[in-house]
Amino acid sequence: MAHPKAPTLWDRSREIAVAAILDTALRLFAEQGYDATTMAEIAKEAGISQRSLFRYFGSKEDLVCGDQDGLGRLLKDTVEAQPPDVSAWDALRAGFETIMVARHTPERVLRIATLIFSTPSLRARYVEKRLRWQADLVPAIESRMGIADAPAPDPRAPAVIAATFACADTATELWVRSGGRADVAALFDEAISAVRT
């Protein structure tokens, strides 16, 4: 089995720069509001040129939402990697656990989630990306549920996926409202339990 390549010095430097820029942007968004904060202000406050900022992030939304395509792939890969005897619900839970801590500290995730849930344009982009994630997960969940060859249209796998996403969003929103004091994993489990009863 091939081992993942160790990050290079350039990779580590880029990660540090991205984290510093993101923290600067999140501070400005909290102080001034997302819509009122410009990329020029973020670049100036971060001590870099606008051109450099756009090399790291293509847009202001990318600053907050990050690499959603990469997170979607990580979610799918995690779900697919679960042992065959793991239920569709538990495989999806494992995927959500992985992506919650994949790129940021819990504190930064809370700041990002707070911004997304309180900014309509960011929330719309968040929902749009997650709908794509759901569609990408259908084959893996159909296979796990033993219905991969069912005649189309079969609503079972999309329904389980949509319900799981709704539970994740509900748990995250309640976690944000609690200021991060609640246990987001416990909220997620409670929501899933309510849906499955």
C-alpha atoms as a PDB file:
ATOM      1  CA  MET A   1       0.000   0.000   0.000  1.00  0.00           C
ATOM      2  CA  ALA A   2       1.358   3.420  -0.982  1.00  0.00           C
ATOM      3  CA  HIS A   3       1.837   5.929   1.809  1.00  0.00           C
ATOM      4  CA  PRO A   4       0.660   9.505   1.317  1.00  0.00           C
ATOM      5  CA  LYS A   5       3.427  11.875   0.353  1.00  0.00           C
ATOM      6  CA  ALA A   6       4.729  13.996   3.209  1.00  0.00           C
ATOM      7  CA  PRO A   7       3.891  17.680   2.734  1.00  0.00           C
ATOM      8  CA  THR A   8       6.716  19.739   1.310  1.00  0.00           C
ATOM      9  CA  LEU A   9       8.021  22.939   2.853  1.00  0.00           C
ATOM     10  CA  TRP A  10       6.075  24.818   0.175  1.00  0.00           C
ATOM     11  CA  ASP A  11       2.877  22.943   1.112  1.00  0.00           C
ATOM     12  CA  ARG A  12       3.331  23.763   4.801  1.00  0.00           C
ATOM     13  CA  SER A  13       4.106  27.412   4.020  1.00  0.00           C
ATOM     14  CA  ARG A  14       0.979  27.644   1.873  1.00  0.00           C
ATOM     15  CA  GLU A  15      -1.174  26.096   4.644  1.00  0.00           C
ATOM     16  CA  ILE A  16       0.160  28.630   7.167  1.00  0.00           C
ATOM     17  CA  ALA A  17      -0.470  31.524   4.770  1.00  0.00           C
ATOM     18  CA  VAL A  18      -4.006  30.328   3.969  1.00  0.00           C
ATOM     19  CA  ALA A  19      -4.834  29.966   7.688  1.00  0.00           C
ATOM     20  CA  ALA A  20      -3.484  33.463   8.464  1.00  0.00           C
ATOM     21  CA  ILE A  21      -5.446  35.025   5.596  1.00  0.00           C
ATOM     22  CA  LEU A  22      -8.608  33.183   6.618  1.00  0.00           C
ATOM     23  CA  ASP A  23      -8.271  34.294  10.252  1.00  0.00           C
ATOM     24  CA  THR A  24      -7.807  37.895   9.084  1.00  0.00           C
ATOM     25  CA  ALA A  25     -10.858  37.667   6.832  1.00  0.00           C
ATOM     26  CA  LEU A  26     -13.015  36.093   9.550  1.00  0.00           C
ATOM     27  CA  ARG A  27     -12.026  38.865  11.970  1.00  0.00           C
ATOM     28  CA  LEU A  28     -12.931  41.554   9.422  1.00  0.00           C
ATOM     29  CA  PHE A  29     -16.215  39.834   8.572  1.00  0.00           C
ATOM     30  CA  ALA A  30     -17.092  39.739  12.285  1.00  0.00           C
ATOM     31  CA  GLU A  31     -16.175  43.407  12.764  1.00  0.00           C
ATOM     32  CA  GLN A  32     -17.608  44.904   9.559  1.00  0.00           C
ATOM     33  CA  GLY A  33     -20.003  42.300   8.190  1.00  0.00           C
ATOM     34  CA  TYR A  34     -19.410  39.953   5.294  1.00  0.00           C
ATOM     35  CA  ASP A  35     -20.993  42.113   2.594  1.00  0.00           C
ATOM     36  CA  ALA A  36     -19.242  45.301   3.751  1.00  0.00           C
ATOM     37  CA  THR A  37     -15.758  43.755   3.689  1.00  0.00           C
ATOM     38  CA  THR A  38     -13.821  43.889   0.413  1.00  0.00           C
ATOM     39  CA  MET A  39     -11.068  41.653  -0.869  1.00  0.00           C
ATOM     40  CA  ALA A  40      -8.841  44.761  -1.006  1.00  0.00           C
ATOM     41  CA  GLU A  41      -9.345  45.309   2.733  1.00  0.00           C
ATOM     42  CA  ILE A  42      -8.598  41.665   3.477  1.00  0.00           C
ATOM     43  CA  ALA A  43      -5.397  41.784   1.397  1.00  0.00           C
ATOM     44  CA  LYS A  44      -4.243  45.007   3.051  1.00  0.00           C
ATOM     45  CA  GLU A  45      -4.976  43.722   6.569  1.00  0.00           C
ATOM     46  CA  ALA A  46      -3.235  40.406   5.792  1.00  0.00           C
ATOM     47  CA  GLY A  47      -0.182  42.243   4.457  1.00  0.00           C
ATOM     48  CA  ILE A  48      -0.318  40.830   0.938  1.00  0.00           C
ATOM     49  CA  SER A  49      -1.214  42.140  -2.497  1.00  0.00           C
ATOM     50  CA  GLN A  50      -4.672  41.591  -3.977  1.00  0.00           C
ATOM     51  CA  ARG A  51      -3.041  39.546  -6.717  1.00  0.00           C
ATOM     52  CA  SER A  52      -1.513  37.227  -4.114  1.00  0.00           C
ATOM     53  CA  LEU A  53      -4.846  36.982  -2.303  1.00  0.00           C
ATOM     54  CA  PHE A  54      -6.570  35.901  -5.513  1.00  0.00           C
ATOM     55  CA  ARG A  55      -3.904  33.226  -6.018  1.00  0.00           C
ATOM     56  CA  TYR A  56      -4.982  31.681  -2.712  1.00  0.00           C
ATOM     57  CA  PHE A  57      -8.718  32.363  -3.000  1.00  0.00           C
ATOM     58  CA  GLY A  58     -10.656  32.982  -6.204  1.00  0.00           C
ATOM     59  CA  SER A  59     -13.421  34.928  -4.486  1.00  0.00           C
ATOM     60  CA  LYS A  60     -14.633  36.202  -1.137  1.00  0.00           C
ATOM     61  CA  GLU A  61     -16.995  33.215  -0.926  1.00  0.00           C
ATOM     62  CA  ASP A  62     -14.027  30.865  -1.425  1.00  0.00           C
ATOM     63  CA  LEU A  63     -12.405  32.403   1.647  1.00  0.00           C
ATOM     64  CA  VAL A  64     -15.285  31.208   3.801  1.00  0.00           C
ATOM     65  CA  CYS A  65     -16.539  28.105   2.029  1.00  0.00           C
ATOM     66  CA  GLY A  66     -13.090  26.776   1.162  1.00  0.00           C
ATOM     67  CA  ASP A  67     -12.513  23.816  -1.101  1.00  0.00           C
ATOM     68  CA  GLN A  68     -16.046  22.440  -1.082  1.00  0.00           C
ATOM     69  CA  ASP A  69     -15.289  20.073  -3.963  1.00  0.00           C
ATOM     70  CA  GLY A  70     -12.376  18.610  -2.017  1.00  0.00           C
ATOM     71  CA  LEU A  71     -14.540  18.205   1.095  1.00  0.00           C
ATOM     72  CA  GLY A  72     -17.233  16.524  -0.990  1.00  0.00           C
ATOM     73  CA  ARG A  73     -14.663  14.042  -2.315  1.00  0.00           C
ATOM     74  CA  LEU A  74     -13.400  13.407   1.226  1.00  0.00           C
ATOM     75  CA  LEU A  75     -16.969  12.753   2.416  1.00  0.00           C
ATOM     76  CA  LYS A  76     -17.613  10.324  -0.444  1.00  0.00           C
ATOM     77  CA  ASP A  77     -14.259   8.558   0.007  1.00  0.00           C
ATOM     78  CA  THR A  78     -14.887   8.172   3.751  1.00  0.00           C
ATOM     79  CA  VAL A  79     -18.378   6.756   3.180  1.00  0.00           C
ATOM     80  CA  GLU A  80     -17.069   4.312   0.565  1.00  0.00           C
ATOM     81  CA  ALA A  81     -14.189   3.231   2.837  1.00  0.00           C
ATOM     82  CA  GLN A  82     -16.488   2.053   5.646  1.00  0.00           C
ATOM     83  CA  PRO A  83     -16.660  -1.743   6.144  1.00  0.00           C
ATOM     84  CA  PRO A  84     -19.481  -3.456   4.214  1.00  0.00           C
ATOM     85  CA  ASP A  85     -21.437  -4.290   7.379  1.00  0.00           C
ATOM     86  CA  VAL A  86     -21.701  -0.596   8.378  1.00  0.00           C
ATOM     87  CA  SER A  87     -25.187   0.781   7.705  1.00  0.00           C
ATOM     88  CA  ALA A  88     -25.791   3.635   5.281  1.00  0.00           C
ATOM     89  CA  TRP A  89     -26.647   5.899   8.238  1.00  0.00           C
ATOM     90  CA  ASP A  90     -23.439   5.065  10.104  1.00  0.00           C
ATOM     91  CA  ALA A  91     -21.298   5.353   6.969  1.00  0.00           C
ATOM     92  CA  LEU A  92     -22.680   8.838   6.353  1.00  0.00           C
ATOM     93  CA  ARG A  93     -22.116   9.748  10.011  1.00  0.00           C
ATOM     94  CA  ALA A  94     -18.470   8.669   9.688  1.00  0.00           C
ATOM     95  CA  GLY A  95     -18.172  10.889   6.627  1.00  0.00           C
ATOM     96  CA  PHE A  96     -19.570  13.917   8.434  1.00  0.00           C
ATOM     97  CA  GLU A  97     -17.295  13.306  11.431  1.00  0.00           C
ATOM     98  CA  THR A  98     -14.302  13.324   9.094  1.00  0.00           C
ATOM     99  CA  ILE A  99     -15.139  16.508   7.218  1.00  0.00           C
ATOM    100  CA  MET A 100     -16.009  18.450  10.376  1.00  0.00           C
ATOM    101  CA  VAL A 101     -12.372  18.406  11.467  1.00  0.00           C
ATOM    102  CA  ALA A 102     -10.644  17.900   8.124  1.00  0.00           C
ATOM    103  CA  ARG A 103      -9.361  21.388   7.470  1.00  0.00           C
ATOM    104  CA  HIS A 104      -9.831  23.569  10.544  1.00  0.00           C
ATOM    105  CA  THR A 105      -9.765  23.685  14.310  1.00  0.00           C
ATOM    106  CA  PRO A 106     -13.174  23.437  16.028  1.00  0.00           C
ATOM    107  CA  GLU A 107     -12.907  27.155  16.878  1.00  0.00           C
ATOM    108  CA  ARG A 108     -12.397  28.115  13.234  1.00  0.00           C
ATOM    109  CA  VAL A 109     -15.165  25.747  12.103  1.00  0.00           C
ATOM    110  CA  LEU A 110     -17.510  27.515  14.539  1.00  0.00           C
ATOM    111  CA  ARG A 111     -16.553  30.947  13.182  1.00  0.00           C
ATOM    112  CA  ILE A 112     -17.019  29.776   9.592  1.00  0.00           C
ATOM    113  CA  ALA A 113     -20.324  28.035  10.308  1.00  0.00           C
ATOM    114  CA  THR A 114     -21.611  31.101  12.171  1.00  0.00           C
ATOM    115  CA  LEU A 115     -20.809  33.264   9.160  1.00  0.00           C
ATOM    116  CA  ILE A 116     -22.372  30.834   6.676  1.00  0.00           C
ATOM    117  CA  PHE A 117     -25.599  30.431   8.646  1.00  0.00           C
ATOM    118  CA  SER A 118     -25.959  34.209   9.118  1.00  0.00           C
ATOM    119  CA  THR A 119     -25.160  35.320   5.543  1.00  0.00           C
ATOM    120  CA  PRO A 120     -27.817  34.502   2.914  1.00  0.00           C
ATOM    121  CA  SER A 121     -25.422  34.498  -0.077  1.00  0.00           C
ATOM    122  CA  LEU A 122     -23.005  32.145   1.675  1.00  0.00           C
ATOM    123  CA  ARG A 123     -25.798  29.899   2.855  1.00  0.00           C
ATOM    124  CA  ALA A 124     -27.127  29.654  -0.718  1.00  0.00           C
ATOM    125  CA  ARG A 125     -23.708  28.594  -1.997  1.00  0.00           C
ATOM    126  CA  TYR A 126     -23.330  26.131   0.873  1.00  0.00           C
ATOM    127  CA  VAL A 127     -26.691  24.522   0.037  1.00  0.00           C
ATOM    128  CA  GLU A 128     -25.885  24.396  -3.687  1.00  0.00           C
ATOM    129  CA  LYS A 129     -22.605  22.555  -3.077  1.00  0.00           C
ATOM    130  CA  ARG A 130     -24.178  20.146  -0.624  1.00  0.00           C
ATOM    131  CA  LEU A 131     -26.883  19.215  -3.119  1.00  0.00           C
ATOM    132  CA  ARG A 132     -24.068  18.150  -5.452  1.00  0.00           C
ATOM    133  CA  TRP A 133     -22.485  16.144  -2.649  1.00  0.00           C
ATOM    134  CA  GLN A 134     -25.793  14.362  -2.098  1.00  0.00           C
ATOM    135  CA  ALA A 135     -26.090  13.408  -5.768  1.00  0.00           C
ATOM    136  CA  ASP A 136     -22.493  12.111  -5.768  1.00  0.00           C
ATOM    137  CA  LEU A 137     -23.230   9.881  -2.761  1.00  0.00           C
ATOM    138  CA  VAL A 138     -26.244   8.094  -4.261  1.00  0.00           C
ATOM    139  CA  PRO A 139     -24.347   5.189  -5.926  1.00  0.00           C
ATOM    140  CA  ALA A 140     -22.329   4.461  -2.762  1.00  0.00           C
ATOM    141  CA  ILE A 141     -25.427   4.476  -0.554  1.00  0.00           C
ATOM    142  CA  GLU A 142     -27.465   2.401  -3.022  1.00  0.00           C
ATOM    143  CA  SER A 143     -24.678  -0.165  -3.018  1.00  0.00           C
ATOM    144  CA  ARG A 144     -24.486  -0.158   0.790  1.00  0.00           C
ATOM    145  CA  MET A 145     -28.271  -0.583   1.015  1.00  0.00           C
ATOM    146  CA  GLY A 146     -28.201  -3.450  -1.501  1.00  0.00           C
ATOM    147  CA  ILE A 147     -30.384  -1.621  -3.994  1.00  0.00           C
ATOM    148  CA  ALA A 148     -27.828  -0.687  -6.643  1.00  0.00           C
ATOM    149  CA  ASP A 149     -29.729  -2.614  -9.315  1.00  0.00           C
ATOM    150  CA  ALA A 150     -33.207  -1.473  -8.285  1.00  0.00           C
ATOM    151  CA  PRO A 151     -35.380  -0.164 -11.095  1.00  0.00           C
ATOM    152  CA  ALA A 152     -35.232   3.619 -11.378  1.00  0.00           C
ATOM    153  CA  PRO A 153     -36.465   5.831  -9.919  1.00  0.00           C
ATOM    154  CA  ASP A 154     -35.805   4.496  -6.425  1.00  0.00           C
ATOM    155  CA  PRO A 155     -36.162   7.118  -3.675  1.00  0.00           C
ATOM    156  CA  ARG A 156     -34.602   5.153  -0.796  1.00  0.00           C
ATOM    157  CA  ALA A 157     -30.913   6.118  -1.059  1.00  0.00           C
ATOM    158  CA  PRO A 158     -31.560   9.800  -1.922  1.00  0.00           C
ATOM    159  CA  ALA A 159     -34.024   9.979   0.997  1.00  0.00           C
ATOM    160  CA  VAL A 160     -31.510   8.564   3.500  1.00  0.00           C
ATOM    161  CA  ILE A 161     -28.827  10.933   2.197  1.00  0.00           C
ATOM    162  CA  ALA A 162     -31.120  13.993   2.276  1.00  0.00           C
ATOM    163  CA  ALA A 163     -32.315  13.137   5.793  1.00  0.00           C
ATOM    164  CA  THR A 164     -28.712  12.737   6.984  1.00  0.00           C
ATOM    165  CA  PHE A 165     -27.728  16.094   5.486  1.00  0.00           C
ATOM    166  CA  ALA A 166     -30.768  17.745   7.089  1.00  0.00           C
ATOM    167  CA  CYS A 167     -29.746  16.276  10.452  1.00  0.00           C
ATOM    168  CA  ALA A 168     -26.161  17.505   9.990  1.00  0.00           C
ATOM    169  CA  ASP A 169     -27.359  20.999   9.116  1.00  0.00           C
ATOM    170  CA  THR A 170     -29.786  21.059  12.050  1.00  0.00           C
ATOM    171  CA  ALA A 171     -27.052  19.952  14.461  1.00  0.00           C
ATOM    172  CA  THR A 172     -24.598  22.503  13.058  1.00  0.00           C
ATOM    173  CA  GLU A 173     -27.090  25.353  13.267  1.00  0.00           C
ATOM    174  CA  LEU A 174     -27.965  24.490  16.883  1.00  0.00           C
ATOM    175  CA  TRP A 175     -24.248  24.223  17.686  1.00  0.00           C
ATOM    176  CA  VAL A 176     -23.720  27.698  16.193  1.00  0.00           C
ATOM    177  CA  ARG A 177     -26.643  29.105  18.192  1.00  0.00           C
ATOM    178  CA  SER A 178     -25.111  27.680  21.373  1.00  0.00           C
ATOM    179  CA  GLY A 179     -21.862  29.501  20.635  1.00  0.00           C
ATOM    180  CA  GLY A 180     -20.098  26.157  20.300  1.00  0.00           C
ATOM    181  CA  ARG A 181     -21.002  25.049  23.825  1.00  0.00           C
ATOM    182  CA  ALA A 182     -23.269  22.200  22.692  1.00  0.00           C
ATOM    183  CA  ASP A 183     -21.816  18.906  21.471  1.00  0.00           C
ATOM    184  CA  VAL A 184     -22.395  18.941  17.719  1.00  0.00           C
ATOM    185  CA  ALA A 185     -21.906  15.163  17.402  1.00  0.00           C
ATOM    186  CA  ALA A 186     -24.504  14.504  20.115  1.00  0.00           C
ATOM    187  CA  LEU A 187     -26.931  16.903  18.410  1.00  0.00           C
ATOM    188  CA  PHE A 188     -26.388  15.080  15.122  1.00  0.00           C
ATOM    189  CA  ASP A 189     -27.034  11.693  16.765  1.00  0.00           C
ATOM    190  CA  GLU A 190     -30.206  13.015  18.416  1.00  0.00           C
ATOM    191  CA  ALA A 191     -31.467  14.370  15.090  1.00  0.00           C
ATOM    192  CA  ILE A 192     -30.726  11.068  13.301  1.00  0.00           C
ATOM    193  CA  SER A 193     -32.456   9.135  16.087  1.00  0.00           C
ATOM    194  CA  ALA A 194     -35.564  11.333  15.754  1.00  0.00           C
ATOM    195  CA  VAL A 195     -35.674  10.834  11.979  1.00  0.00           C
ATOM    196  CA  ARG A 196     -35.218   7.071  12.219  1.00  0.00           C
ATOM    197  CA  THR A 197     -37.961   6.469  14.834  1.00  0.00           C
END
